[in-house]
N, C-alpha and C. Protein backbone atom coordinates (compact mmCIF):
# COMPACT_ATOMS: atom_id res chain seq x y z
N MET A 1 28.94 -5.34 -5.75
CA MET A 1 29.14 -4.61 -4.74
C MET A 1 29.99 -3.29 -5.23
N GLY A 2 31.07 -3.28 -5.80
CA GLY A 2 31.88 -2.31 -6.42
C GLY A 2 31.09 -1.50 -6.72
N GLU A 3 30.16 -1.58 -7.82
CA GLU A 3 29.29 -0.54 -8.58
C GLU A 3 28.55 0.37 -7.54
N VAL A 4 28.01 -0.68 -6.57
CA VAL A 4 27.24 -0.05 -5.54
C VAL A 4 27.61 1.03 -4.83
N LEU A 5 28.75 0.61 -4.29
CA LEU A 5 29.93 1.65 -3.41
C LEU A 5 29.99 2.64 -4.02
N TYR A 6 30.61 2.50 -5.57
CA TYR A 6 31.06 3.55 -6.41
C TYR A 6 29.87 4.53 -6.54
N ASN A 7 28.87 4.23 -6.89
CA ASN A 7 27.56 4.90 -6.92
C ASN A 7 27.27 5.72 -5.56
N GLU A 8 27.51 5.00 -4.31
CA GLU A 8 27.16 5.82 -3.04
C GLU A 8 28.00 6.88 -2.78
N LEU A 9 29.58 6.79 -2.97
CA LEU A 9 30.53 7.55 -3.02
C LEU A 9 30.28 8.98 -3.87
N ILE A 10 30.08 8.62 -5.28
CA ILE A 10 29.98 9.79 -6.06
C ILE A 10 28.54 10.42 -5.55
N ALA A 11 27.59 9.86 -4.93
CA ALA A 11 26.15 10.71 -4.46
C ALA A 11 26.63 11.45 -3.28
N ALA A 12 27.88 10.96 -2.77
CA ALA A 12 28.00 11.87 -1.55
C ALA A 12 29.26 12.96 -1.61
N ASN A 13 29.60 13.07 -3.34
CA ASN A 13 30.31 13.94 -3.41
C ASN A 13 31.75 13.78 -2.99
N HIS A 14 32.45 12.27 -2.99
CA HIS A 14 33.55 12.00 -2.82
C HIS A 14 34.30 11.65 -3.95
N SER A 15 35.50 11.78 -4.08
CA SER A 15 36.36 11.68 -5.47
C SER A 15 36.43 9.99 -5.16
N VAL A 16 36.31 9.67 -6.07
CA VAL A 16 36.66 8.31 -6.49
C VAL A 16 37.53 7.68 -7.69
N ARG A 17 38.17 6.68 -7.58
CA ARG A 17 38.90 6.17 -8.66
C ARG A 17 39.12 4.63 -8.64
N ILE A 18 38.60 4.05 -9.69
CA ILE A 18 38.33 2.68 -9.69
C ILE A 18 39.70 1.97 -10.32
N GLN A 19 40.41 1.12 -9.54
CA GLN A 19 41.59 0.41 -10.24
C GLN A 19 41.70 -0.92 -10.19
N SER A 20 42.21 -1.67 -10.83
CA SER A 20 42.15 -2.92 -10.81
C SER A 20 43.54 -3.64 -10.71
N LYS A 21 44.21 -3.51 -9.38
CA LYS A 21 45.48 -3.69 -8.91
C LYS A 21 45.72 -4.64 -7.67
N PHE A 22 46.46 -5.49 -7.59
CA PHE A 22 46.79 -6.32 -6.31
C PHE A 22 47.08 -5.22 -5.19
N MET A 23 46.88 -5.67 -4.01
CA MET A 23 47.33 -4.75 -2.86
C MET A 23 48.65 -4.56 -2.81
N ASP A 24 49.44 -5.44 -2.81
CA ASP A 24 51.04 -4.83 -3.12
C ASP A 24 51.51 -4.22 -3.95
N GLN A 25 51.07 -3.74 -5.12
CA GLN A 25 50.84 -2.96 -6.14
C GLN A 25 50.36 -1.40 -5.94
N ILE A 26 49.85 -1.18 -4.81
CA ILE A 26 49.10 0.01 -4.84
C ILE A 26 50.09 0.97 -3.85
N GLU A 27 50.51 2.06 -4.57
CA GLU A 27 51.04 3.12 -3.78
C GLU A 27 50.51 4.31 -3.39
N GLU A 28 49.12 4.55 -3.80
CA GLU A 28 48.67 5.62 -3.49
C GLU A 28 48.26 5.41 -1.85
N ALA A 29 47.82 6.67 -1.39
CA ALA A 29 47.33 6.54 0.03
C ALA A 29 45.72 7.10 0.11
N PHE A 30 45.07 6.27 0.99
CA PHE A 30 43.79 6.45 1.17
C PHE A 30 43.15 7.06 2.69
N ASP A 31 42.17 7.62 2.87
CA ASP A 31 41.65 7.88 3.93
C ASP A 31 41.41 6.53 4.85
N VAL A 32 40.85 5.86 4.35
CA VAL A 32 40.32 4.24 4.60
C VAL A 32 40.07 3.29 3.79
N LEU A 33 40.07 2.39 4.13
CA LEU A 33 40.21 0.96 3.10
C LEU A 33 38.76 0.42 3.64
N ILE A 34 38.15 0.11 2.51
CA ILE A 34 36.96 -0.79 2.92
C ILE A 34 36.99 -2.01 1.75
N ASP A 35 36.96 -3.11 2.32
CA ASP A 35 37.28 -4.44 1.71
C ASP A 35 35.69 -5.09 1.42
N PHE A 36 35.25 -5.28 0.53
CA PHE A 36 34.11 -6.09 0.12
C PHE A 36 34.70 -7.28 -0.88
N SER A 37 35.56 -8.22 -0.53
CA SER A 37 36.08 -8.80 -1.69
C SER A 37 36.12 -10.73 -1.47
N HIS A 38 37.14 -11.07 -1.01
CA HIS A 38 37.35 -12.53 -0.54
C HIS A 38 38.17 -12.71 0.41
N PRO A 39 38.35 -14.21 1.26
CA PRO A 39 38.82 -14.21 2.63
C PRO A 39 40.61 -14.12 2.11
N ASP A 40 40.62 -14.75 0.81
CA ASP A 40 42.17 -14.94 0.04
C ASP A 40 42.92 -13.53 0.20
N ASN A 41 42.23 -12.35 0.35
CA ASN A 41 42.90 -11.07 -0.05
C ASN A 41 43.17 -10.46 1.29
N LEU A 42 43.10 -11.08 2.39
CA LEU A 42 43.51 -10.67 3.72
C LEU A 42 44.63 -10.24 3.98
N GLU A 43 45.61 -11.10 3.52
CA GLU A 43 46.96 -10.92 3.87
C GLU A 43 47.58 -9.63 2.88
N GLY A 44 46.89 -9.76 1.85
CA GLY A 44 47.72 -8.46 0.82
C GLY A 44 47.09 -7.21 1.48
N MET A 45 45.66 -7.05 2.02
CA MET A 45 45.40 -5.89 2.69
C MET A 45 45.76 -5.54 4.04
N ILE A 46 46.13 -6.59 5.03
CA ILE A 46 46.90 -6.35 5.80
C ILE A 46 48.36 -5.70 5.78
N GLY A 47 48.92 -6.15 4.82
CA GLY A 47 50.05 -5.66 4.46
C GLY A 47 50.28 -4.19 3.94
N TYR A 48 49.15 -3.87 3.41
CA TYR A 48 48.94 -2.44 2.91
C TYR A 48 48.60 -1.84 3.92
N CYS A 49 47.55 -1.84 4.77
CA CYS A 49 47.26 -1.31 6.08
C CYS A 49 48.09 -0.88 6.97
N ARG A 50 48.89 -2.11 7.19
CA ARG A 50 49.92 -2.16 8.25
C ARG A 50 51.30 -1.00 7.80
N THR A 51 51.52 -1.23 6.53
CA THR A 51 52.80 -0.29 6.09
C THR A 51 52.08 1.07 5.82
N SER A 52 50.98 1.58 5.37
CA SER A 52 50.26 3.01 5.12
C SER A 52 49.94 3.41 6.36
N LYS A 53 49.32 2.31 7.52
CA LYS A 53 48.74 2.78 8.82
C LYS A 53 47.07 3.37 8.25
N THR A 54 46.67 2.60 7.10
CA THR A 54 45.58 2.94 6.82
C THR A 54 44.50 2.21 7.71
N PRO A 55 43.34 3.18 8.30
CA PRO A 55 42.13 2.19 8.89
C PRO A 55 41.58 1.32 8.05
N ALA A 56 41.16 0.21 8.52
CA ALA A 56 40.57 -0.78 7.57
C ALA A 56 39.20 -0.94 8.12
N VAL A 57 37.87 -1.19 7.10
CA VAL A 57 36.81 -1.28 7.14
C VAL A 57 36.27 -3.06 6.44
N ILE A 58 36.39 -4.08 7.22
CA ILE A 58 36.26 -5.05 6.66
C ILE A 58 35.14 -5.91 6.61
N ALA A 59 34.48 -6.06 5.71
CA ALA A 59 33.08 -6.38 5.54
C ALA A 59 33.13 -7.89 4.55
N THR A 60 34.25 -8.58 4.44
CA THR A 60 33.92 -9.99 4.03
C THR A 60 33.79 -11.09 4.92
N THR A 61 33.19 -11.96 4.21
CA THR A 61 32.76 -13.40 5.55
C THR A 61 33.60 -14.59 5.01
N GLY A 62 33.52 -15.46 6.08
CA GLY A 62 34.16 -16.82 5.35
C GLY A 62 35.63 -16.65 5.92
N TYR A 63 36.21 -15.99 6.94
CA TYR A 63 37.37 -16.25 7.75
C TYR A 63 37.55 -17.27 8.46
N SER A 64 38.77 -17.78 8.37
CA SER A 64 39.27 -18.81 9.16
C SER A 64 39.55 -18.27 10.70
N ASP A 65 39.80 -19.30 11.92
CA ASP A 65 40.00 -18.66 13.06
C ASP A 65 41.53 -17.72 12.95
N GLU A 66 42.18 -18.37 12.51
CA GLU A 66 43.50 -18.13 12.11
C GLU A 66 43.67 -16.55 11.21
N GLN A 67 42.78 -16.32 10.34
CA GLN A 67 42.70 -15.03 9.73
C GLN A 67 42.02 -14.09 10.74
N PHE A 68 41.11 -14.52 11.66
CA PHE A 68 40.55 -13.58 12.68
C PHE A 68 41.73 -13.28 13.46
N GLN A 69 42.49 -14.32 13.95
CA GLN A 69 43.62 -13.82 14.56
C GLN A 69 44.63 -12.76 13.95
N GLN A 70 44.85 -12.87 12.68
CA GLN A 70 45.61 -11.85 11.89
C GLN A 70 45.08 -10.32 12.00
N MET A 71 43.59 -10.32 11.88
CA MET A 71 42.91 -9.45 11.84
C MET A 71 43.03 -8.59 13.29
N LYS A 72 43.20 -9.47 14.30
CA LYS A 72 43.03 -8.91 15.83
C LYS A 72 44.28 -8.50 15.79
N LYS A 73 45.39 -8.83 15.25
CA LYS A 73 47.01 -8.28 15.49
C LYS A 73 46.94 -6.97 14.82
N LEU A 74 46.25 -7.03 13.63
CA LEU A 74 46.36 -5.84 12.97
C LEU A 74 45.64 -4.61 13.67
N SER A 75 44.54 -4.81 14.10
CA SER A 75 43.88 -4.01 15.37
C SER A 75 44.76 -3.36 16.43
N GLU A 76 45.88 -3.96 16.67
CA GLU A 76 46.80 -3.54 17.88
C GLU A 76 47.37 -2.38 16.93
N GLU A 77 47.54 -1.97 15.64
CA GLU A 77 48.41 -0.97 15.30
C GLU A 77 47.47 -0.11 14.65
N ILE A 78 46.44 -0.47 14.03
CA ILE A 78 45.70 0.70 13.41
C ILE A 78 44.12 0.52 13.77
N PRO A 79 42.98 1.36 13.37
CA PRO A 79 41.66 0.96 13.69
C PRO A 79 40.95 0.12 12.60
N VAL A 80 40.48 -1.12 13.10
CA VAL A 80 39.96 -1.99 12.18
C VAL A 80 38.32 -1.94 12.72
N LEU A 81 37.66 -1.97 11.69
CA LEU A 81 35.94 -2.20 11.88
C LEU A 81 35.54 -3.50 11.27
N TYR A 82 35.18 -4.44 11.97
CA TYR A 82 34.56 -5.71 11.11
C TYR A 82 33.17 -6.19 11.68
N SER A 83 32.51 -6.42 10.68
CA SER A 83 31.11 -6.84 10.72
C SER A 83 30.92 -7.91 10.12
N GLY A 84 29.98 -9.05 10.14
CA GLY A 84 29.70 -9.90 9.59
C GLY A 84 28.60 -9.40 8.50
N ASN A 85 27.76 -8.20 8.92
CA ASN A 85 26.81 -7.74 8.00
C ASN A 85 26.75 -6.05 8.25
N TYR A 86 26.89 -5.09 7.28
CA TYR A 86 26.81 -3.63 7.32
C TYR A 86 25.46 -3.17 7.44
N SER A 87 24.46 -4.10 7.31
CA SER A 87 23.14 -3.29 7.35
C SER A 87 22.85 -2.88 8.45
N LEU A 88 22.19 -1.64 8.71
CA LEU A 88 22.03 -1.09 10.08
C LEU A 88 20.89 -1.90 10.58
N GLY A 89 19.95 -2.49 9.89
CA GLY A 89 18.54 -3.11 10.46
C GLY A 89 19.49 -4.11 11.08
N VAL A 90 19.97 -4.92 10.36
CA VAL A 90 21.09 -6.55 11.08
C VAL A 90 21.66 -5.86 12.32
N VAL A 91 22.30 -5.13 12.42
CA VAL A 91 22.87 -4.54 13.34
C VAL A 91 21.99 -4.35 14.60
N LEU A 92 20.88 -3.65 14.27
CA LEU A 92 20.01 -3.44 15.40
C LEU A 92 19.28 -5.06 15.77
N MET A 93 19.07 -5.78 15.01
CA MET A 93 18.36 -6.81 14.89
C MET A 93 19.21 -7.95 15.98
N GLU A 94 20.82 -7.75 15.79
CA GLU A 94 21.54 -8.46 16.73
C GLU A 94 21.23 -8.17 17.97
N ARG A 95 21.22 -6.82 18.51
CA ARG A 95 20.78 -6.40 19.64
C ARG A 95 19.60 -6.95 20.16
N LEU A 96 18.66 -6.83 19.29
CA LEU A 96 17.34 -7.08 19.74
C LEU A 96 17.36 -8.56 20.23
N VAL A 97 18.11 -9.53 19.36
CA VAL A 97 18.12 -10.87 19.63
C VAL A 97 18.93 -11.34 20.94
N ARG A 98 19.77 -10.32 21.16
CA ARG A 98 20.52 -10.73 22.61
C ARG A 98 19.74 -10.09 23.81
N GLU A 99 18.75 -9.32 23.74
CA GLU A 99 18.32 -8.68 24.71
C GLU A 99 16.59 -9.86 24.66
N ALA A 100 16.42 -10.41 23.67
CA ALA A 100 15.31 -11.57 23.81
C ALA A 100 15.97 -12.62 24.51
N ALA A 101 17.00 -13.23 24.10
CA ALA A 101 17.63 -14.27 24.62
C ALA A 101 17.82 -14.17 26.27
N LYS A 102 18.04 -12.78 26.67
CA LYS A 102 18.21 -12.57 28.24
C LYS A 102 16.88 -12.58 28.99
N VAL A 103 15.89 -12.21 28.20
CA VAL A 103 14.52 -11.96 28.73
C VAL A 103 13.96 -13.68 28.82
N LEU A 104 14.28 -14.20 27.70
CA LEU A 104 13.48 -15.91 27.54
C LEU A 104 14.17 -16.67 27.93
N GLY A 105 15.48 -16.55 27.90
CA GLY A 105 16.34 -17.61 28.62
C GLY A 105 15.98 -19.18 28.23
N GLU A 106 16.17 -19.89 29.08
CA GLU A 106 16.29 -21.23 28.70
C GLU A 106 14.74 -21.86 28.67
N GLY A 107 13.66 -20.75 28.66
CA GLY A 107 12.43 -21.19 28.50
C GLY A 107 12.07 -21.56 27.01
N PHE A 108 12.80 -21.04 26.13
CA PHE A 108 12.42 -20.93 24.72
C PHE A 108 13.54 -21.84 23.92
N ASP A 109 12.85 -22.54 22.89
CA ASP A 109 13.96 -22.99 22.15
C ASP A 109 14.24 -22.00 20.94
N ILE A 110 15.35 -22.05 20.47
CA ILE A 110 16.13 -21.00 19.45
C ILE A 110 16.69 -21.71 18.41
N GLU A 111 16.15 -21.40 17.34
CA GLU A 111 16.76 -21.46 16.04
C GLU A 111 16.91 -20.72 15.25
N VAL A 112 17.96 -20.52 14.40
CA VAL A 112 18.45 -19.70 13.28
C VAL A 112 18.45 -20.23 11.96
N ILE A 113 17.69 -19.24 10.90
CA ILE A 113 17.44 -19.49 9.56
C ILE A 113 17.95 -18.37 8.59
N GLU A 114 19.01 -19.03 7.86
CA GLU A 114 19.52 -18.02 6.77
C GLU A 114 19.39 -18.37 5.58
N LYS A 115 19.09 -17.31 4.50
CA LYS A 115 18.88 -17.72 3.28
C LYS A 115 19.47 -16.47 2.07
N HIS A 116 20.30 -17.05 1.24
CA HIS A 116 21.08 -16.32 0.38
C HIS A 116 20.96 -16.97 -1.00
N HIS A 117 21.39 -16.14 -2.11
CA HIS A 117 21.75 -16.61 -3.69
C HIS A 117 22.56 -17.64 -3.67
N HIS A 118 22.22 -18.35 -4.72
CA HIS A 118 22.77 -19.84 -4.81
C HIS A 118 24.70 -19.95 -5.34
N HIS A 119 25.05 -18.45 -5.50
CA HIS A 119 26.68 -17.93 -5.63
C HIS A 119 27.33 -18.09 -4.41
N LYS A 120 26.35 -17.77 -3.05
CA LYS A 120 27.10 -17.57 -1.97
C LYS A 120 27.85 -18.99 -1.48
N ILE A 121 29.43 -18.90 -1.24
CA ILE A 121 29.96 -19.91 -1.06
C ILE A 121 30.14 -20.21 0.61
N ASP A 122 29.92 -19.34 1.36
CA ASP A 122 30.56 -20.02 2.71
C ASP A 122 29.05 -19.97 3.38
N ALA A 123 29.04 -21.05 4.43
CA ALA A 123 27.66 -21.35 5.27
C ALA A 123 28.23 -21.98 6.42
N PRO A 124 27.43 -21.66 7.33
CA PRO A 124 26.29 -20.56 7.40
C PRO A 124 26.89 -19.05 7.26
N SER A 125 26.02 -18.34 6.89
CA SER A 125 26.52 -16.79 6.52
C SER A 125 27.23 -16.27 7.94
N GLY A 126 27.80 -15.11 7.59
CA GLY A 126 28.62 -14.34 8.62
C GLY A 126 27.46 -13.89 9.47
N THR A 127 26.37 -13.48 8.84
CA THR A 127 25.15 -12.76 9.73
C THR A 127 24.72 -13.91 10.70
N ALA A 128 24.59 -15.18 10.09
CA ALA A 128 23.81 -15.89 10.84
C ALA A 128 24.69 -16.43 12.21
N LYS A 129 26.00 -16.54 11.91
CA LYS A 129 26.85 -16.54 13.09
C LYS A 129 26.95 -15.46 14.27
N MET A 130 26.89 -14.07 13.91
CA MET A 130 26.57 -13.00 14.49
C MET A 130 25.34 -13.39 15.60
N MET A 131 24.09 -13.67 14.87
CA MET A 131 22.88 -13.89 15.57
C MET A 131 22.99 -15.03 16.61
N VAL A 132 23.86 -16.12 16.28
CA VAL A 132 24.16 -17.15 17.23
C VAL A 132 24.82 -16.70 18.28
N GLU A 133 25.74 -16.06 18.14
CA GLU A 133 26.76 -15.48 19.21
C GLU A 133 26.05 -14.39 20.27
N ALA A 134 25.10 -13.98 19.61
CA ALA A 134 23.93 -12.92 20.52
C ALA A 134 23.20 -13.72 21.03
N ALA A 135 22.53 -14.74 20.61
CA ALA A 135 21.50 -15.35 21.56
C ALA A 135 21.95 -16.02 22.61
N ASN A 136 23.44 -16.60 22.14
CA ASN A 136 24.20 -17.82 23.02
C ASN A 136 25.10 -16.94 24.22
N GLU A 137 25.10 -15.58 23.99
CA GLU A 137 26.40 -15.08 24.98
C GLU A 137 26.08 -15.08 26.63
N GLN A 138 24.81 -15.41 27.00
CA GLN A 138 24.89 -15.98 28.34
C GLN A 138 24.40 -17.16 28.33
N LEU A 139 23.91 -17.97 27.52
CA LEU A 139 23.31 -19.30 27.65
C LEU A 139 24.23 -20.28 27.36
N GLY A 140 25.41 -20.12 26.64
CA GLY A 140 26.36 -21.28 26.45
C GLY A 140 26.02 -22.56 25.76
N TYR A 141 24.92 -22.19 25.29
CA TYR A 141 24.27 -23.77 24.40
C TYR A 141 25.32 -24.32 23.00
N LYS A 142 25.19 -25.50 23.03
CA LYS A 142 25.53 -26.28 21.81
C LYS A 142 24.99 -25.79 20.53
N VAL A 143 25.91 -25.52 19.55
CA VAL A 143 25.30 -25.13 18.32
C VAL A 143 25.62 -26.31 17.22
N ILE A 144 24.51 -26.42 16.59
CA ILE A 144 24.25 -27.65 15.56
C ILE A 144 23.92 -27.01 14.50
N TYR A 145 24.44 -27.53 12.98
CA TYR A 145 24.05 -27.12 11.67
C TYR A 145 23.18 -27.92 11.07
N GLY A 146 22.02 -27.80 10.82
CA GLY A 146 21.09 -28.37 10.13
C GLY A 146 20.82 -29.95 10.99
N ARG A 147 19.77 -30.60 10.71
CA ARG A 147 19.36 -31.95 11.10
C ARG A 147 18.98 -32.93 10.18
N ALA A 148 19.34 -34.24 10.61
CA ALA A 148 18.98 -35.15 9.63
C ALA A 148 18.80 -36.57 10.35
N GLY A 149 17.71 -37.22 9.85
CA GLY A 149 17.66 -38.59 10.66
C GLY A 149 17.03 -38.85 11.91
N MET A 150 17.39 -39.60 12.70
CA MET A 150 16.63 -39.51 14.15
C MET A 150 17.32 -38.62 14.95
N CYS A 151 16.95 -37.42 15.24
CA CYS A 151 17.76 -36.33 16.26
C CYS A 151 16.79 -35.79 16.97
N LYS A 152 16.28 -36.29 17.96
CA LYS A 152 15.52 -35.34 19.22
C LYS A 152 16.40 -33.98 19.44
N ARG A 153 15.64 -33.13 19.46
CA ARG A 153 16.01 -31.73 19.91
C ARG A 153 16.50 -31.59 21.51
N ASP A 154 17.86 -31.15 21.52
CA ASP A 154 18.48 -31.09 22.91
C ASP A 154 17.72 -29.72 23.37
N THR A 155 17.41 -29.72 24.84
CA THR A 155 16.78 -28.49 25.17
C THR A 155 17.87 -27.61 24.99
N LYS A 156 19.19 -27.68 25.24
CA LYS A 156 20.36 -26.63 25.43
C LYS A 156 20.90 -26.72 23.83
N GLU A 157 20.31 -26.43 22.85
CA GLU A 157 21.06 -26.11 21.71
C GLU A 157 20.41 -25.23 21.05
N ILE A 158 21.33 -24.93 19.99
CA ILE A 158 20.86 -23.76 19.08
C ILE A 158 21.29 -24.24 17.60
N ALA A 159 20.18 -24.44 16.48
CA ALA A 159 20.25 -24.83 15.26
C ALA A 159 20.48 -23.99 14.21
N VAL A 160 21.25 -24.13 13.35
CA VAL A 160 21.13 -23.01 12.56
C VAL A 160 21.08 -23.98 10.94
N HIS A 161 20.27 -23.16 10.46
CA HIS A 161 19.92 -23.84 8.87
C HIS A 161 19.88 -23.09 7.72
N THR A 162 20.44 -23.33 6.68
CA THR A 162 20.96 -22.90 5.63
C THR A 162 20.36 -23.05 4.28
N VAL A 163 19.89 -22.16 3.71
CA VAL A 163 19.27 -22.14 2.44
C VAL A 163 20.11 -21.41 1.49
N ARG A 164 20.22 -21.96 0.21
CA ARG A 164 20.73 -21.37 -0.73
C ARG A 164 19.86 -21.71 -2.23
N GLY A 165 19.44 -20.50 -2.84
CA GLY A 165 18.86 -20.56 -4.04
C GLY A 165 18.70 -19.11 -4.65
N GLY A 166 18.49 -19.59 -6.09
CA GLY A 166 18.09 -18.22 -6.81
C GLY A 166 18.76 -17.05 -6.69
N SER A 167 18.29 -15.84 -6.62
CA SER A 167 19.24 -14.50 -6.37
C SER A 167 18.69 -13.84 -4.71
N ILE A 168 18.48 -14.81 -4.04
CA ILE A 168 18.22 -14.10 -2.70
C ILE A 168 19.21 -13.36 -2.01
N VAL A 169 18.92 -12.09 -1.64
CA VAL A 169 20.26 -11.24 -1.42
C VAL A 169 20.47 -11.62 0.00
N GLY A 170 19.82 -11.65 0.90
CA GLY A 170 19.88 -12.19 2.23
C GLY A 170 18.57 -11.97 3.16
N GLU A 171 18.36 -13.05 3.85
CA GLU A 171 17.06 -13.26 4.62
C GLU A 171 17.72 -13.98 5.97
N HIS A 172 17.22 -13.32 7.22
CA HIS A 172 17.89 -14.23 8.30
C HIS A 172 16.30 -14.00 9.57
N GLU A 173 16.57 -15.24 10.21
CA GLU A 173 15.29 -15.15 11.15
C GLU A 173 15.79 -16.11 12.03
N VAL A 174 15.64 -15.55 13.49
CA VAL A 174 15.82 -16.16 14.72
C VAL A 174 14.36 -16.40 15.36
N LEU A 175 14.35 -17.59 15.57
CA LEU A 175 12.95 -18.01 16.15
C LEU A 175 13.07 -18.40 17.74
N PHE A 176 12.36 -17.89 18.40
CA PHE A 176 12.61 -18.05 20.10
C PHE A 176 11.02 -18.96 20.34
N ALA A 177 11.12 -20.11 20.41
CA ALA A 177 9.77 -20.99 20.06
C ALA A 177 9.79 -21.48 21.88
N GLY A 178 8.48 -21.14 22.25
CA GLY A 178 8.17 -21.43 23.41
C GLY A 178 7.00 -22.21 23.61
N VAL A 179 6.42 -22.43 24.79
CA VAL A 179 4.77 -23.33 24.82
C VAL A 179 3.99 -22.44 24.51
N ASP A 180 3.31 -22.62 23.46
CA ASP A 180 1.96 -21.96 23.23
C ASP A 180 2.41 -20.35 22.52
N GLU A 181 3.47 -20.21 22.11
CA GLU A 181 3.93 -18.97 21.65
C GLU A 181 5.36 -18.88 20.98
N VAL A 182 5.30 -18.33 19.75
CA VAL A 182 6.51 -18.06 19.03
C VAL A 182 7.04 -16.63 18.82
N LEU A 183 8.07 -16.00 19.10
CA LEU A 183 8.59 -14.91 18.75
C LEU A 183 9.84 -14.68 17.61
N SER A 184 9.38 -14.17 16.53
CA SER A 184 10.44 -14.06 15.20
C SER A 184 11.31 -13.10 15.12
N ILE A 185 12.17 -12.88 15.04
CA ILE A 185 12.87 -11.72 14.83
C ILE A 185 13.57 -11.95 13.29
N LYS A 186 12.94 -10.96 12.34
CA LYS A 186 13.50 -11.17 10.87
C LYS A 186 14.03 -9.89 10.29
N HIS A 187 14.79 -10.28 9.46
CA HIS A 187 15.48 -9.04 8.61
C HIS A 187 15.70 -9.55 7.15
N GLU A 188 15.19 -8.76 6.16
CA GLU A 188 15.44 -9.31 4.84
C GLU A 188 16.04 -8.04 4.06
N ALA A 189 17.12 -8.54 3.22
CA ALA A 189 17.79 -7.42 2.56
C ALA A 189 17.11 -7.84 1.28
N LEU A 190 16.81 -6.31 0.51
CA LEU A 190 16.10 -6.30 -0.64
C LEU A 190 17.01 -5.96 -1.90
N SER A 191 18.35 -5.33 -1.35
CA SER A 191 19.39 -5.02 -2.27
C SER A 191 20.91 -4.97 -1.58
N LYS A 192 22.05 -5.03 -2.31
CA LYS A 192 23.24 -4.77 -1.64
C LYS A 192 23.87 -3.51 -1.33
N GLN A 193 22.63 -2.61 -1.81
CA GLN A 193 23.43 -1.26 -1.35
C GLN A 193 23.16 -0.87 0.14
N ILE A 194 22.30 -1.92 0.94
CA ILE A 194 22.43 -1.30 2.05
C ILE A 194 23.49 -1.72 2.75
N PHE A 195 24.26 -2.70 2.30
CA PHE A 195 25.87 -2.78 3.07
C PHE A 195 26.64 -1.92 2.70
N ALA A 196 26.51 -1.03 1.51
CA ALA A 196 27.61 -0.24 0.92
C ALA A 196 27.21 0.95 2.07
N LYS A 197 25.89 1.39 2.44
CA LYS A 197 25.64 2.43 2.99
C LYS A 197 26.32 2.30 4.47
N GLY A 198 26.06 1.31 5.14
CA GLY A 198 26.59 0.57 6.36
C GLY A 198 28.12 1.00 6.45
N ALA A 199 28.78 0.47 5.52
CA ALA A 199 30.09 0.20 5.44
C ALA A 199 30.36 1.97 5.43
N LEU A 200 29.92 2.66 4.65
CA LEU A 200 30.47 3.99 4.39
C LEU A 200 30.41 5.02 6.00
N LYS A 201 29.05 4.70 6.53
CA LYS A 201 28.85 5.17 7.76
C LYS A 201 29.90 4.68 8.62
N GLY A 202 30.17 3.34 8.71
CA GLY A 202 31.38 2.96 9.58
C GLY A 202 32.69 3.28 9.18
N ALA A 203 32.98 3.59 7.91
CA ALA A 203 34.32 4.24 7.68
C ALA A 203 34.54 5.73 7.88
N LYS A 204 33.29 6.63 7.98
CA LYS A 204 33.48 7.64 8.69
C LYS A 204 33.80 7.62 9.89
N TRP A 205 32.96 6.80 10.78
CA TRP A 205 33.16 7.08 12.09
C TRP A 205 34.60 6.19 12.47
N LEU A 206 35.05 5.47 11.80
CA LEU A 206 36.35 5.13 12.13
C LEU A 206 37.67 5.81 11.80
N LEU A 207 37.75 7.16 11.28
CA LEU A 207 38.81 7.78 10.97
C LEU A 207 39.50 8.55 11.74
N ASP A 208 38.64 8.81 12.98
CA ASP A 208 39.50 9.66 14.18
C ASP A 208 39.79 8.66 15.17
N LYS A 209 39.57 7.25 14.95
CA LYS A 209 39.47 6.30 16.03
C LYS A 209 41.01 5.70 16.36
N GLU A 210 41.08 5.23 17.62
CA GLU A 210 42.84 5.07 18.01
C GLU A 210 42.73 3.49 17.73
N ALA A 211 43.79 2.96 17.53
CA ALA A 211 43.78 1.42 17.31
C ALA A 211 42.87 0.52 17.96
N GLY A 212 42.50 -0.40 17.22
CA GLY A 212 41.48 -1.06 18.14
C GLY A 212 40.55 -2.04 17.18
N LEU A 213 40.07 -3.12 17.56
CA LEU A 213 39.17 -3.73 16.76
C LEU A 213 37.40 -3.46 16.94
N TYR A 214 36.69 -2.65 16.42
CA TYR A 214 35.57 -2.49 16.58
C TYR A 214 34.46 -3.22 15.62
N ASN A 215 33.30 -2.81 16.20
CA ASN A 215 32.08 -3.64 15.34
C ASN A 215 31.02 -2.56 15.15
N MET A 216 30.20 -3.15 14.12
CA MET A 216 29.05 -2.01 13.80
C MET A 216 28.00 -1.56 15.08
N GLU A 217 28.23 -2.25 15.97
CA GLU A 217 27.21 -2.05 17.37
C GLU A 217 28.32 -0.70 18.18
N ASP A 218 29.34 -0.82 17.82
CA ASP A 218 30.22 0.32 18.52
C ASP A 218 29.80 1.56 17.77
N VAL A 219 29.69 1.36 16.29
CA VAL A 219 29.20 2.63 15.47
C VAL A 219 28.13 3.28 15.79
N LEU A 220 26.93 2.49 15.90
CA LEU A 220 25.69 2.93 16.06
C LEU A 220 25.25 3.25 17.52
N PHE A 221 25.93 2.38 18.60
CA PHE A 221 25.27 2.42 19.98
C PHE A 221 26.39 3.36 20.66
N GLY A 222 27.88 3.52 20.19
CA GLY A 222 28.75 3.72 21.15
C GLY A 222 29.57 2.96 21.80
N SER A 223 30.83 2.98 21.52
CA SER A 223 31.88 1.85 22.21
C SER A 223 32.08 2.28 23.79
């Protein structure tokens, strides 16, 4: 991802300097910080952004509830953009899923399927969680993760299924299964470059914003 982001910045005629430093060792100032790393780095990133008042684009997934609270606390002081996925197609998919759930409501069963490469650590993916939240915004269904054994489906549940294998970049599908018809809303990532493009678009948008916690729907559709 670092190489992809570097190439994107060069193509946009931005000045780029790659350094291998811990956040508490960085003294330089930046217009905005973009983080594609690991949840363990959140504390150091927050410390840097709080001290330097640098806007933050957070693109890492797998955070705990406590870490999300730390992120929200930071957003009271500086603008923070967080999304479980920075693909523009996925952001639009999230909105489509929300609208489909509103229209189809309780008449359709909802299932979420996500696929990633075998190196991905967190499950389900941050994007799958985005889709569940979008579909469940007004329904308030129980969310379960996978099925095994004798487990009859509850009419008011959303099941999330995780696949890990090979070099799959990322594939997400939300099924709305009704009587005699199925609606499938699906997105497939073919390279990680799409995430870098979305993060850069979000970073440019965030530069002149007031303190607050934003998401990519704010970027694309207005807050």
